[in-house]
C-alpha atoms as a PDB file:
ATOM      1  CA  MET A   1      -0.066   0.031  -0.084  1.00  0.00           C
ATOM      2  CA  THR A   2       1.281   3.254  -0.841  1.00  0.00           C
ATOM      3  CA  ASP A   3       1.778   5.748   2.115  1.00  0.00           C
ATOM      4  CA  THR A   4      -0.732   8.687   2.291  1.00  0.00           C
ATOM      5  CA  PRO A   5       1.070  12.095   2.185  1.00  0.00           C
ATOM      6  CA  ALA A   6       0.918  13.844   5.242  1.00  0.00           C
ATOM      7  CA  ARG A   7       0.139  17.165   3.662  1.00  0.00           C
ATOM      8  CA  PRO A   8      -3.564  17.324   4.763  1.00  0.00           C
ATOM      9  CA  ARG A   9      -2.588  17.486   8.173  1.00  0.00           C
ATOM     10  CA  LEU A  10      -0.827  20.994   7.720  1.00  0.00           C
ATOM     11  CA  ARG A  11      -4.227  22.712   7.389  1.00  0.00           C
ATOM     12  CA  PRO A  12      -5.354  22.018  11.083  1.00  0.00           C
ATOM     13  CA  LEU A  13      -1.983  22.962  12.296  1.00  0.00           C
ATOM     14  CA  LEU A  14      -1.974  26.344  10.370  1.00  0.00           C
ATOM     15  CA  THR A  15      -5.515  26.763  11.631  1.00  0.00           C
ATOM     16  CA  ALA A  16      -4.229  26.352  15.246  1.00  0.00           C
ATOM     17  CA  VAL A  17      -1.189  28.783  14.757  1.00  0.00           C
ATOM     18  CA  ALA A  18      -3.605  31.375  13.192  1.00  0.00           C
ATOM     19  CA  VAL A  19      -6.027  31.248  16.295  1.00  0.00           C
ATOM     20  CA  THR A  20      -2.987  31.382  18.606  1.00  0.00           C
ATOM     21  CA  LEU A  21      -1.575  34.326  16.626  1.00  0.00           C
ATOM     22  CA  THR A  22      -4.872  36.194  16.552  1.00  0.00           C
ATOM     23  CA  MET A  23      -5.601  35.746  20.443  1.00  0.00           C
ATOM     24  CA  THR A  24      -1.977  37.002  21.021  1.00  0.00           C
ATOM     25  CA  LEU A  25      -2.416  40.011  18.906  1.00  0.00           C
ATOM     26  CA  ALA A  26      -5.803  40.723  20.592  1.00  0.00           C
ATOM     27  CA  ALA A  27      -4.147  40.500  24.035  1.00  0.00           C
ATOM     28  CA  ALA A  28      -1.477  42.883  22.676  1.00  0.00           C
ATOM     29  CA  ALA A  29      -3.908  45.410  21.377  1.00  0.00           C
ATOM     30  CA  ALA A  30      -5.844  45.342  24.473  1.00  0.00           C
ATOM     31  CA  CYS A  31      -2.791  46.537  26.422  1.00  0.00           C
ATOM     32  CA  GLY A  32      -1.758  48.934  23.564  1.00  0.00           C
ATOM     33  CA  PRO A  33      -1.878  52.630  23.530  1.00  0.00           C
ATOM     34  CA  ASP A  34      -5.582  52.651  22.245  1.00  0.00           C
ATOM     35  CA  LYS A  35      -6.629  51.353  25.620  1.00  0.00           C
ATOM     36  CA  ASP A  36      -6.620  53.732  28.759  1.00  0.00           C
ATOM     37  CA  PRO A  37      -3.988  52.469  31.264  1.00  0.00           C
ATOM     38  CA  ALA A  38      -5.025  51.668  34.655  1.00  0.00           C
ATOM     39  CA  PRO A  39      -4.626  54.989  36.919  1.00  0.00           C
ATOM     40  CA  ARG A  40      -1.578  55.452  38.972  1.00  0.00           C
ATOM     41  CA  THR A  41      -2.162  54.875  42.891  1.00  0.00           C
ATOM     42  CA  VAL A  42      -1.195  57.094  45.555  1.00  0.00           C
ATOM     43  CA  ASP A  43       1.255  54.674  46.825  1.00  0.00           C
ATOM     44  CA  GLU A  44       2.964  54.243  43.474  1.00  0.00           C
ATOM     45  CA  VAL A  45       3.389  58.075  43.060  1.00  0.00           C
ATOM     46  CA  LEU A  46       4.565  58.605  46.582  1.00  0.00           C
ATOM     47  CA  LYS A  47       7.455  56.268  46.197  1.00  0.00           C
ATOM     48  CA  GLN A  48       8.646  58.709  43.391  1.00  0.00           C
ATOM     49  CA  THR A  49       8.705  61.712  45.545  1.00  0.00           C
ATOM     50  CA  SER A  50      11.496  63.120  47.677  1.00  0.00           C
ATOM     51  CA  VAL A  51       9.842  62.613  50.898  1.00  0.00           C
ATOM     52  CA  TYR A  52       9.314  58.862  50.549  1.00  0.00           C
ATOM     53  CA  GLY A  53      10.756  57.135  53.438  1.00  0.00           C
ATOM     54  CA  LYS A  54      11.860  60.353  55.201  1.00  0.00           C
ATOM     55  CA  PRO A  55      10.979  60.684  58.888  1.00  0.00           C
ATOM     56  CA  LYS A  56       9.671  64.162  58.579  1.00  0.00           C
ATOM     57  CA  ILE A  57       8.421  66.514  55.917  1.00  0.00           C
ATOM     58  CA  ARG A  58       9.668  70.045  55.825  1.00  0.00           C
ATOM     59  CA  ILE A  59       7.078  72.720  55.111  1.00  0.00           C
ATOM     60  CA  GLY A  60       8.070  76.405  54.826  1.00  0.00           C
ATOM     61  CA  VAL A  61       5.494  78.896  56.387  1.00  0.00           C
ATOM     62  CA  ALA A  62       4.920  82.243  57.730  1.00  0.00           C
ATOM     63  CA  GLU A  63       5.318  82.932  61.431  1.00  0.00           C
ATOM     64  CA  ASP A  64       4.145  86.622  61.794  1.00  0.00           C
ATOM     65  CA  GLN A  65       0.808  86.496  60.004  1.00  0.00           C
ATOM     66  CA  PRO A  66      -2.233  85.956  62.290  1.00  0.00           C
ATOM     67  CA  LEU A  67      -4.928  83.924  60.852  1.00  0.00           C
ATOM     68  CA  MET A  68      -2.692  82.698  58.153  1.00  0.00           C
ATOM     69  CA  GLY A  69       0.589  81.310  59.663  1.00  0.00           C
ATOM     70  CA  LYS A  70       1.732  82.388  63.154  1.00  0.00           C
ATOM     71  CA  LEU A  71       3.932  81.021  65.985  1.00  0.00           C
ATOM     72  CA  VAL A  72       1.902  81.097  69.036  1.00  0.00           C
ATOM     73  CA  ASP A  73       3.298  79.717  72.480  1.00  0.00           C
ATOM     74  CA  GLY A  74       5.734  77.434  70.397  1.00  0.00           C
ATOM     75  CA  ARG A  75       2.882  76.046  68.071  1.00  0.00           C
ATOM     76  CA  PHE A  76       2.097  77.232  64.585  1.00  0.00           C
ATOM     77  CA  GLU A  77      -1.463  78.066  63.789  1.00  0.00           C
ATOM     78  CA  GLY A  78      -3.462  79.623  61.170  1.00  0.00           C
ATOM     79  CA  PHE A  79      -5.393  78.900  57.719  1.00  0.00           C
ATOM     80  CA  ASP A  80      -2.093  77.980  55.989  1.00  0.00           C
ATOM     81  CA  ILE A  81      -0.814  75.925  58.739  1.00  0.00           C
ATOM     82  CA  GLU A  82      -4.040  73.705  58.846  1.00  0.00           C
ATOM     83  CA  ILE A  83      -3.731  73.292  54.887  1.00  0.00           C
ATOM     84  CA  ALA A  84      -0.180  72.285  55.523  1.00  0.00           C
ATOM     85  CA  ARG A  85      -1.085  69.833  58.093  1.00  0.00           C
ATOM     86  CA  TYR A  86      -3.892  68.158  55.927  1.00  0.00           C
ATOM     87  CA  LEU A  87      -1.257  67.794  53.207  1.00  0.00           C
ATOM     88  CA  ALA A  88       1.250  66.358  55.549  1.00  0.00           C
ATOM     89  CA  GLU A  89      -1.192  63.818  56.804  1.00  0.00           C
ATOM     90  CA  SER A  90      -2.546  62.820  53.691  1.00  0.00           C
ATOM     91  CA  LEU A  91       1.065  62.211  52.557  1.00  0.00           C
ATOM     92  CA  GLY A  92       1.483  59.937  55.501  1.00  0.00           C
ATOM     93  CA  PHE A  93       3.256  62.405  57.970  1.00  0.00           C
ATOM     94  CA  ASN A  94       0.719  62.281  61.045  1.00  0.00           C
ATOM     95  CA  GLY A  95       1.091  64.766  63.700  1.00  0.00           C
ATOM     96  CA  ASP A  96       3.358  67.848  64.229  1.00  0.00           C
ATOM     97  CA  SER A  97       6.201  65.657  65.339  1.00  0.00           C
ATOM     98  CA  ARG A  98       6.638  64.420  61.786  1.00  0.00           C
ATOM     99  CA  ILE A  99       6.314  67.996  60.420  1.00  0.00           C
ATOM    100  CA  ASP A 100       9.403  70.454  60.352  1.00  0.00           C
ATOM    101  CA  PHE A 101       7.659  73.982  59.893  1.00  0.00           C
ATOM    102  CA  VAL A 102      10.333  76.223  58.727  1.00  0.00           C
ATOM    103  CA  PRO A 103       9.744  79.848  59.072  1.00  0.00           C
ATOM    104  CA  LEU A 104      10.426  81.751  55.932  1.00  0.00           C
ATOM    105  CA  GLN A 105      10.507  85.375  54.987  1.00  0.00           C
ATOM    106  CA  THR A 106       8.775  86.357  51.618  1.00  0.00           C
ATOM    107  CA  GLU A 107      11.970  86.823  49.610  1.00  0.00           C
ATOM    108  CA  ASP A 108      13.249  83.488  50.882  1.00  0.00           C
ATOM    109  CA  ARG A 109      10.671  81.102  49.590  1.00  0.00           C
ATOM    110  CA  GLU A 110      11.960  80.394  46.289  1.00  0.00           C
ATOM    111  CA  ASN A 111      15.406  79.711  47.568  1.00  0.00           C
ATOM    112  CA  ALA A 112      14.304  77.399  50.230  1.00  0.00           C
ATOM    113  CA  LEU A 113      12.610  75.271  47.501  1.00  0.00           C
ATOM    114  CA  LEU A 114      15.414  75.442  45.084  1.00  0.00           C
ATOM    115  CA  SER A 115      18.127  74.436  47.741  1.00  0.00           C
ATOM    116  CA  GLY A 116      15.903  71.709  49.135  1.00  0.00           C
ATOM    117  CA  ARG A 117      15.653  73.320  52.487  1.00  0.00           C
ATOM    118  CA  VAL A 118      11.967  72.622  52.234  1.00  0.00           C
ATOM    119  CA  ASN A 119       9.867  70.098  50.602  1.00  0.00           C
ATOM    120  CA  LEU A 120       6.767  72.550  50.275  1.00  0.00           C
ATOM    121  CA  VAL A 121       5.915  76.052  50.968  1.00  0.00           C
ATOM    122  CA  VAL A 122       2.407  76.977  52.311  1.00  0.00           C
ATOM    123  CA  ALA A 123       2.658  80.714  53.270  1.00  0.00           C
ATOM    124  CA  SER A 124       0.422  83.089  51.381  1.00  0.00           C
ATOM    125  CA  TYR A 125       2.335  82.206  48.285  1.00  0.00           C
ATOM    126  CA  SER A 126       1.031  84.146  45.190  1.00  0.00           C
ATOM    127  CA  MET A 127       1.090  82.199  41.840  1.00  0.00           C
ATOM    128  CA  THR A 128       2.868  84.493  39.390  1.00  0.00           C
ATOM    129  CA  PRO A 129       4.541  83.834  36.114  1.00  0.00           C
ATOM    130  CA  GLU A 130       7.817  85.130  37.347  1.00  0.00           C
ATOM    131  CA  ARG A 131       7.962  82.714  40.091  1.00  0.00           C
ATOM    132  CA  GLU A 132       6.742  79.820  37.989  1.00  0.00           C
ATOM    133  CA  LYS A 133       9.907  80.015  35.943  1.00  0.00           C
ATOM    134  CA  GLU A 134      11.692  78.752  39.029  1.00  0.00           C
ATOM    135  CA  ILE A 135       9.380  76.585  40.893  1.00  0.00           C
ATOM    136  CA  ASP A 136       6.044  74.683  40.521  1.00  0.00           C
ATOM    137  CA  PHE A 137       2.741  75.787  42.144  1.00  0.00           C
ATOM    138  CA  VAL A 138      -0.186  73.589  43.137  1.00  0.00           C
ATOM    139  CA  GLY A 139      -3.344  75.398  43.323  1.00  0.00           C
ATOM    140  CA  PRO A 140      -4.992  77.731  43.658  1.00  0.00           C
ATOM    141  CA  TYR A 141      -6.267  76.723  47.139  1.00  0.00           C
ATOM    142  CA  PHE A 142      -7.638  80.273  47.826  1.00  0.00           C
ATOM    143  CA  VAL A 143      -8.103  83.265  45.703  1.00  0.00           C
ATOM    144  CA  THR A 144      -7.525  86.770  47.441  1.00  0.00           C
ATOM    145  CA  LYS A 145      -7.146  90.382  46.455  1.00  0.00           C
ATOM    146  CA  GLN A 146      -4.739  93.267  47.706  1.00  0.00           C
ATOM    147  CA  GLU A 147      -6.139  95.846  49.861  1.00  0.00           C
ATOM    148  CA  LEU A 148      -5.070  98.606  52.287  1.00  0.00           C
ATOM    149  CA  LEU A 149      -5.000  98.563  55.915  1.00  0.00           C
ATOM    150  CA  ILE A 150      -4.987 102.047  57.598  1.00  0.00           C
ATOM    151  CA  ARG A 151      -5.426 103.582  61.026  1.00  0.00           C
ATOM    152  CA  VAL A 152      -9.032 104.265  62.065  1.00  0.00           C
ATOM    153  CA  ALA A 153      -7.947 107.746  62.806  1.00  0.00           C
ATOM    154  CA  ASP A 154      -7.223 108.357  58.941  1.00  0.00           C
ATOM    155  CA  ARG A 155     -10.283 106.956  57.644  1.00  0.00           C
ATOM    156  CA  ALA A 156     -11.377 110.555  56.343  1.00  0.00           C
ATOM    157  CA  VAL A 157      -7.749 111.038  54.944  1.00  0.00           C
ATOM    158  CA  VAL A 158      -6.751 107.685  52.983  1.00  0.00           C
ATOM    159  CA  ARG A 159      -9.747 106.516  50.914  1.00  0.00           C
ATOM    160  CA  ASN A 160      -8.110 105.446  47.644  1.00  0.00           C
ATOM    161  CA  LEU A 161      -4.761 105.188  46.032  1.00  0.00           C
ATOM    162  CA  SER A 162      -4.935 108.886  44.770  1.00  0.00           C
ATOM    163  CA  ASP A 163      -4.978 109.992  48.541  1.00  0.00           C
ATOM    164  CA  LEU A 164      -1.555 107.906  48.828  1.00  0.00           C
ATOM    165  CA  ALA A 165      -0.015 109.771  45.905  1.00  0.00           C
ATOM    166  CA  GLN A 166      -0.131 113.099  47.939  1.00  0.00           C
ATOM    167  CA  PRO A 167       3.444 114.465  48.659  1.00  0.00           C
ATOM    168  CA  GLY A 168       4.842 112.782  51.911  1.00  0.00           C
ATOM    169  CA  ARG A 169       2.807 109.870  52.017  1.00  0.00           C
ATOM    170  CA  GLU A 170       4.138 106.369  51.770  1.00  0.00           C
ATOM    171  CA  THR A 171       2.614 102.834  51.826  1.00  0.00           C
ATOM    172  CA  CYS A 172       4.492  99.901  53.420  1.00  0.00           C
ATOM    173  CA  VAL A 173       4.721  96.677  51.603  1.00  0.00           C
ATOM    174  CA  VAL A 174       7.091  93.754  51.944  1.00  0.00           C
ATOM    175  CA  GLY A 175      10.116  93.790  49.746  1.00  0.00           C
ATOM    176  CA  GLY A 176       9.923  91.436  46.903  1.00  0.00           C
ATOM    177  CA  SER A 177       6.127  90.901  47.160  1.00  0.00           C
ATOM    178  CA  THR A 178       3.450  91.185  44.319  1.00  0.00           C
ATOM    179  CA  GLY A 179       2.317  94.265  46.457  1.00  0.00           C
ATOM    180  CA  GLU A 180       5.528  96.160  46.094  1.00  0.00           C
ATOM    181  CA  ARG A 181       5.373  95.792  42.115  1.00  0.00           C
ATOM    182  CA  GLU A 182       1.826  96.975  42.257  1.00  0.00           C
ATOM    183  CA  PHE A 183       2.832 100.191  44.008  1.00  0.00           C
ATOM    184  CA  THR A 184       6.002 101.160  42.457  1.00  0.00           C
ATOM    185  CA  GLY A 185       4.406 100.378  38.878  1.00  0.00           C
ATOM    186  CA  ARG A 186       2.040 103.130  39.938  1.00  0.00           C
ATOM    187  CA  GLY A 187       4.724 105.668  40.792  1.00  0.00           C
ATOM    188  CA  LEU A 188       3.626 105.700  44.380  1.00  0.00           C
ATOM    189  CA  LYS A 189       6.178 105.969  47.183  1.00  0.00           C
ATOM    190  CA  VAL A 190       6.759 102.760  49.243  1.00  0.00           C
ATOM    191  CA  TYR A 191       8.636 101.577  52.215  1.00  0.00           C
ATOM    192  CA  PRO A 192      10.022  98.024  51.410  1.00  0.00           C
ATOM    193  CA  ALA A 193       9.834  96.255  54.748  1.00  0.00           C
ATOM    194  CA  ALA A 194      11.608  92.954  55.484  1.00  0.00           C
ATOM    195  CA  THR A 195       8.429  91.584  57.085  1.00  0.00           C
ATOM    196  CA  ASN A 196       4.754  91.986  57.325  1.00  0.00           C
ATOM    197  CA  ARG A 197       5.076  92.581  61.079  1.00  0.00           C
ATOM    198  CA  GLU A 198       7.587  95.491  60.470  1.00  0.00           C
ATOM    199  CA  CYS A 199       4.665  97.122  58.100  1.00  0.00           C
ATOM    200  CA  LEU A 200       2.265  96.748  60.785  1.00  0.00           C
ATOM    201  CA  GLU A 201       4.536  98.429  63.463  1.00  0.00           C
ATOM    202  CA  ARG A 202       5.165 101.137  61.138  1.00  0.00           C
ATOM    203  CA  LEU A 203       1.555 101.760  60.564  1.00  0.00           C
ATOM    204  CA  LEU A 204       0.606 101.708  64.295  1.00  0.00           C
ATOM    205  CA  ALA A 205       3.536 104.036  64.948  1.00  0.00           C
ATOM    206  CA  GLY A 206       2.255 106.705  62.316  1.00  0.00           C
ATOM    207  CA  LYS A 207       5.570 106.208  60.164  1.00  0.00           C
ATOM    208  CA  SER A 208       3.577 104.727  57.075  1.00  0.00           C
ATOM    209  CA  ASN A 209       0.178 106.158  56.022  1.00  0.00           C
ATOM    210  CA  ALA A 210      -0.966 102.618  54.818  1.00  0.00           C
ATOM    211  CA  PHE A 211       0.056  98.981  54.666  1.00  0.00           C
ATOM    212  CA  SER A 212      -0.824  96.892  51.640  1.00  0.00           C
ATOM    213  CA  THR A 213      -0.917  93.198  51.002  1.00  0.00           C
ATOM    214  CA  ASP A 214      -3.597  90.489  50.198  1.00  0.00           C
ATOM    215  CA  GLU A 215      -6.671  90.657  52.375  1.00  0.00           C
ATOM    216  CA  THR A 216      -5.901  87.322  54.210  1.00  0.00           C
ATOM    217  CA  ILE A 217      -2.836  88.809  55.845  1.00  0.00           C
ATOM    218  CA  LEU A 218      -4.627  92.145  56.608  1.00  0.00           C
ATOM    219  CA  ALA A 219      -7.563  90.296  58.258  1.00  0.00           C
ATOM    220  CA  GLY A 220      -5.137  88.792  60.587  1.00  0.00           C
ATOM    221  CA  TYR A 221      -3.825  92.081  61.844  1.00  0.00           C
ATOM    222  CA  LEU A 222      -7.322  93.475  61.901  1.00  0.00           C
ATOM    223  CA  SER A 223      -8.267  90.759  64.235  1.00  0.00           C
ATOM    224  CA  GLU A 224      -5.679  91.886  66.442  1.00  0.00           C
ATOM    225  CA  HIS A 225      -6.389  95.454  66.517  1.00  0.00           C
ATOM    226  CA  PRO A 226      -9.928  95.904  65.548  1.00  0.00           C
ATOM    227  CA  LYS A 227     -10.408  99.242  67.237  1.00  0.00           C
ATOM    228  CA  ASP A 228      -7.327 100.783  65.798  1.00  0.00           C
ATOM    229  CA  LEU A 229      -7.058  99.622  62.250  1.00  0.00           C
ATOM    230  CA  HIS A 230      -9.527  99.660  59.271  1.00  0.00           C
ATOM    231  CA  VAL A 231      -9.382  97.883  55.886  1.00  0.00           C
ATOM    232  CA  VAL A 232      -9.935  99.998  52.718  1.00  0.00           C
ATOM    233  CA  ASP A 233     -11.468  97.942  49.912  1.00  0.00           C
ATOM    234  CA  VAL A 234      -9.824  99.452  46.785  1.00  0.00           C
ATOM    235  CA  PRO A 235      -9.129  97.644  43.494  1.00  0.00           C
ATOM    236  CA  ILE A 236      -5.257  97.201  43.551  1.00  0.00           C
ATOM    237  CA  GLY A 237      -4.264  94.896  40.616  1.00  0.00           C
ATOM    238  CA  ALA A 238      -5.838  91.375  39.717  1.00  0.00           C
ATOM    239  CA  ASN A 239      -6.880  88.834  42.033  1.00  0.00           C
ATOM    240  CA  GLU A 240      -4.202  86.863  43.718  1.00  0.00           C
ATOM    241  CA  ARG A 241      -4.076  82.926  43.610  1.00  0.00           C
ATOM    242  CA  LEU A 242      -2.500  81.425  46.471  1.00  0.00           C
ATOM    243  CA  GLY A 243      -0.613  78.087  45.705  1.00  0.00           C
ATOM    244  CA  VAL A 244       1.533  75.643  47.271  1.00  0.00           C
ATOM    245  CA  GLY A 245       5.113  75.866  46.289  1.00  0.00           C
ATOM    246  CA  VAL A 246       6.897  72.758  45.145  1.00  0.00           C
ATOM    247  CA  SER A 247      10.514  72.184  43.583  1.00  0.00           C
ATOM    248  CA  LYS A 248      10.306  71.447  39.813  1.00  0.00           C
ATOM    249  CA  GLN A 249      12.570  68.395  40.569  1.00  0.00           C
ATOM    250  CA  ASP A 250       9.835  66.928  42.342  1.00  0.00           C
ATOM    251  CA  PRO A 251       6.996  66.438  39.899  1.00  0.00           C
ATOM    252  CA  ALA A 252       5.554  63.479  41.793  1.00  0.00           C
ATOM    253  CA  LEU A 253       5.040  65.360  45.054  1.00  0.00           C
ATOM    254  CA  ARG A 254       3.432  68.070  42.910  1.00  0.00           C
ATOM    255  CA  ASP A 255       1.016  65.698  41.692  1.00  0.00           C
ATOM    256  CA  LEU A 256       0.175  64.233  45.153  1.00  0.00           C
ATOM    257  CA  VAL A 257      -0.504  67.609  46.431  1.00  0.00           C
ATOM    258  CA  ALA A 258      -2.733  68.486  43.670  1.00  0.00           C
ATOM    259  CA  PHE A 259      -4.553  65.242  43.929  1.00  0.00           C
ATOM    260  CA  PHE A 260      -5.323  65.941  47.709  1.00  0.00           C
ATOM    261  CA  LEU A 261      -6.348  69.608  47.335  1.00  0.00           C
ATOM    262  CA  ARG A 262      -8.826  68.409  44.575  1.00  0.00           C
ATOM    263  CA  LYS A 263      -9.954  65.557  47.026  1.00  0.00           C
ATOM    264  CA  SER A 264     -10.781  68.142  49.634  1.00  0.00           C
ATOM    265  CA  PHE A 265     -12.546  70.389  47.053  1.00  0.00           C
ATOM    266  CA  ASP A 266     -14.593  67.441  45.757  1.00  0.00           C
ATOM    267  CA  THR A 267     -15.669  66.561  49.479  1.00  0.00           C
ATOM    268  CA  GLY A 268     -16.588  70.174  50.222  1.00  0.00           C
ATOM    269  CA  GLN A 269     -18.836  70.157  46.980  1.00  0.00           C
ATOM    270  CA  LYS A 270     -20.676  67.005  47.996  1.00  0.00           C
ATOM    271  CA  THR A 271     -20.920  67.367  51.824  1.00  0.00           C
ATOM    272  CA  ASP A 272     -20.438  71.104  52.539  1.00  0.00           C
ATOM    273  CA  THR A 273     -17.692  69.892  54.977  1.00  0.00           C
ATOM    274  CA  SER A 274     -13.980  69.120  54.136  1.00  0.00           C
ATOM    275  CA  PRO A 275     -10.468  69.752  55.512  1.00  0.00           C
ATOM    276  CA  TRP A 276     -10.325  73.109  53.721  1.00  0.00           C
ATOM    277  CA  LEU A 277     -13.855  74.422  54.785  1.00  0.00           C
ATOM    278  CA  ALA A 278     -13.056  73.395  58.485  1.00  0.00           C
ATOM    279  CA  ALA A 279      -9.784  75.317  58.235  1.00  0.00           C
ATOM    280  CA  TYR A 280     -11.356  78.297  56.778  1.00  0.00           C
ATOM    281  CA  ARG A 281     -14.272  78.534  59.088  1.00  0.00           C
ATOM    282  CA  ARG A 282     -11.747  78.316  62.074  1.00  0.00           C
ATOM    283  CA  THR A 283      -9.489  80.963  60.780  1.00  0.00           C
ATOM    284  CA  LEU A 284     -10.408  83.397  58.087  1.00  0.00           C
ATOM    285  CA  GLY A 285     -14.249  82.826  57.970  1.00  0.00           C
ATOM    286  CA  PRO A 286     -15.279  85.129  60.709  1.00  0.00           C
ATOM    287  CA  TRP A 287     -13.323  88.269  59.206  1.00  0.00           C
ATOM    288  CA  LEU A 288     -13.814  87.679  55.371  1.00  0.00           C
ATOM    289  CA  GLY A 289     -17.242  85.909  55.350  1.00  0.00           C
ATOM    290  CA  GLU A 290     -18.383  82.714  53.612  1.00  0.00           C
ATOM    291  CA  ASP A 291     -16.048  81.425  50.807  1.00  0.00           C
ATOM    292  CA  VAL A 292     -15.434  78.403  48.713  1.00  0.00           C
ATOM    293  CA  MET A 293     -12.360  76.590  47.714  1.00  0.00           C
ATOM    294  CA  GLN A 294     -11.084  76.911  44.278  1.00  0.00           C
ATOM    295  CA  PRO A 295     -10.440  73.624  42.358  1.00  0.00           C
ATOM    296  CA  PRO A 296      -6.705  73.019  41.890  1.00  0.00           C
ATOM    297  CA  ILE A 297      -5.366  73.126  38.302  1.00  0.00           C
ATOM    298  CA  ASP A 298      -4.026  69.953  36.514  1.00  0.00           C
ATOM    299  CA  ALA A 299      -4.643  67.500  39.405  1.00  0.00           C
ATOM    300  CA  PRO A 300      -4.100  64.081  38.185  1.00  0.00           C
ATOM    301  CA  ASP A 301      -6.337  61.167  38.653  1.00  0.00           C
ATOM    302  CA  LEU A 302      -5.059  58.619  41.198  1.00  0.00           C
ATOM    303  CA  VAL A 303      -6.462  55.693  42.940  1.00  0.00           C
ATOM    304  CA  ASP A 304      -6.179  56.271  46.795  1.00  0.00           C
ATOM    305  CA  TYR A 305      -4.926  53.039  47.942  1.00  0.00           C
ATOM    306  CA  ASP A 306      -3.237  49.956  46.010  1.00  0.00           C
ATOM    307  CA  GLU A 307      -6.049  47.659  47.125  1.00  0.00           C
ATOM    308  CA  LYS A 308      -8.450  49.845  45.163  1.00  0.00           C
ATOM    309  CA  ALA A 309      -6.538  49.480  42.009  1.00  0.00           C
ATOM    310  CA  PRO A 310      -8.284  47.625  39.194  1.00  0.00           C
ATOM    311  CA  LYS A 311      -7.084  43.946  38.822  1.00  0.00           C
ATOM    312  CA  GLY A 312      -5.962  42.158  35.673  1.00  0.00           C
END
């Protein structure tokens, strides 16, 4: 008997190979660029930050701004401080024992981030194009405006910026601040102080006719001297957006801070209570009235915990 050639057996074999190849390609396509990747988790991003595994997080703050950031009897308090504590806790640094609050002057904030002296800055830090050339911002977490603080006795004398243009009158501002640029750009005489507290003391002593900075800081000083001081609500430049300063060398930390700020914003929208709202109502709220948190720009979509990450 003549042996039958094995050629007919080739078709089932080719079919099996084709099926296997099709399944392999389908699986590859499912994982390809056309399919959205699984969202990153908080833990994954945290491991890429400069603070991962560190015993403490270093946060630059103000120490002379009542209601915002002030050292009182050895403990920092204020709206910015509570925002800083919320962010630190969200990053895994629970309690003040795991936070180094680093007092910073206005002109030192960028250098502190660039040098690695601090990981974050939460200190009435206005988001400006000039500063964004050197550092990253997360926010805004608050939108404020620049106003004037004067003595009650001068209410009839200083009513607007034109009154401050009179010969012999000066406005105290912190050197290097956005406020200083607003006044020098208008040709008004300024005294560039080293700190906000210095401006307050000059105002109370009658050495300066007005003190100008954003309303959050002025509200704090008004809360300390309600009978002596008065806020003049005049338009001075554009609204200022306060943000959290982060080094450009730490994009993962920037993403996490943005994520947690948006999480607080989303919670407040849904429940009318959140870490941000609680901080505001305990500090600025009684002096500035009701306000709402601003959603941070470019907050990433992350999964809170690894166990919640999609499987497969």
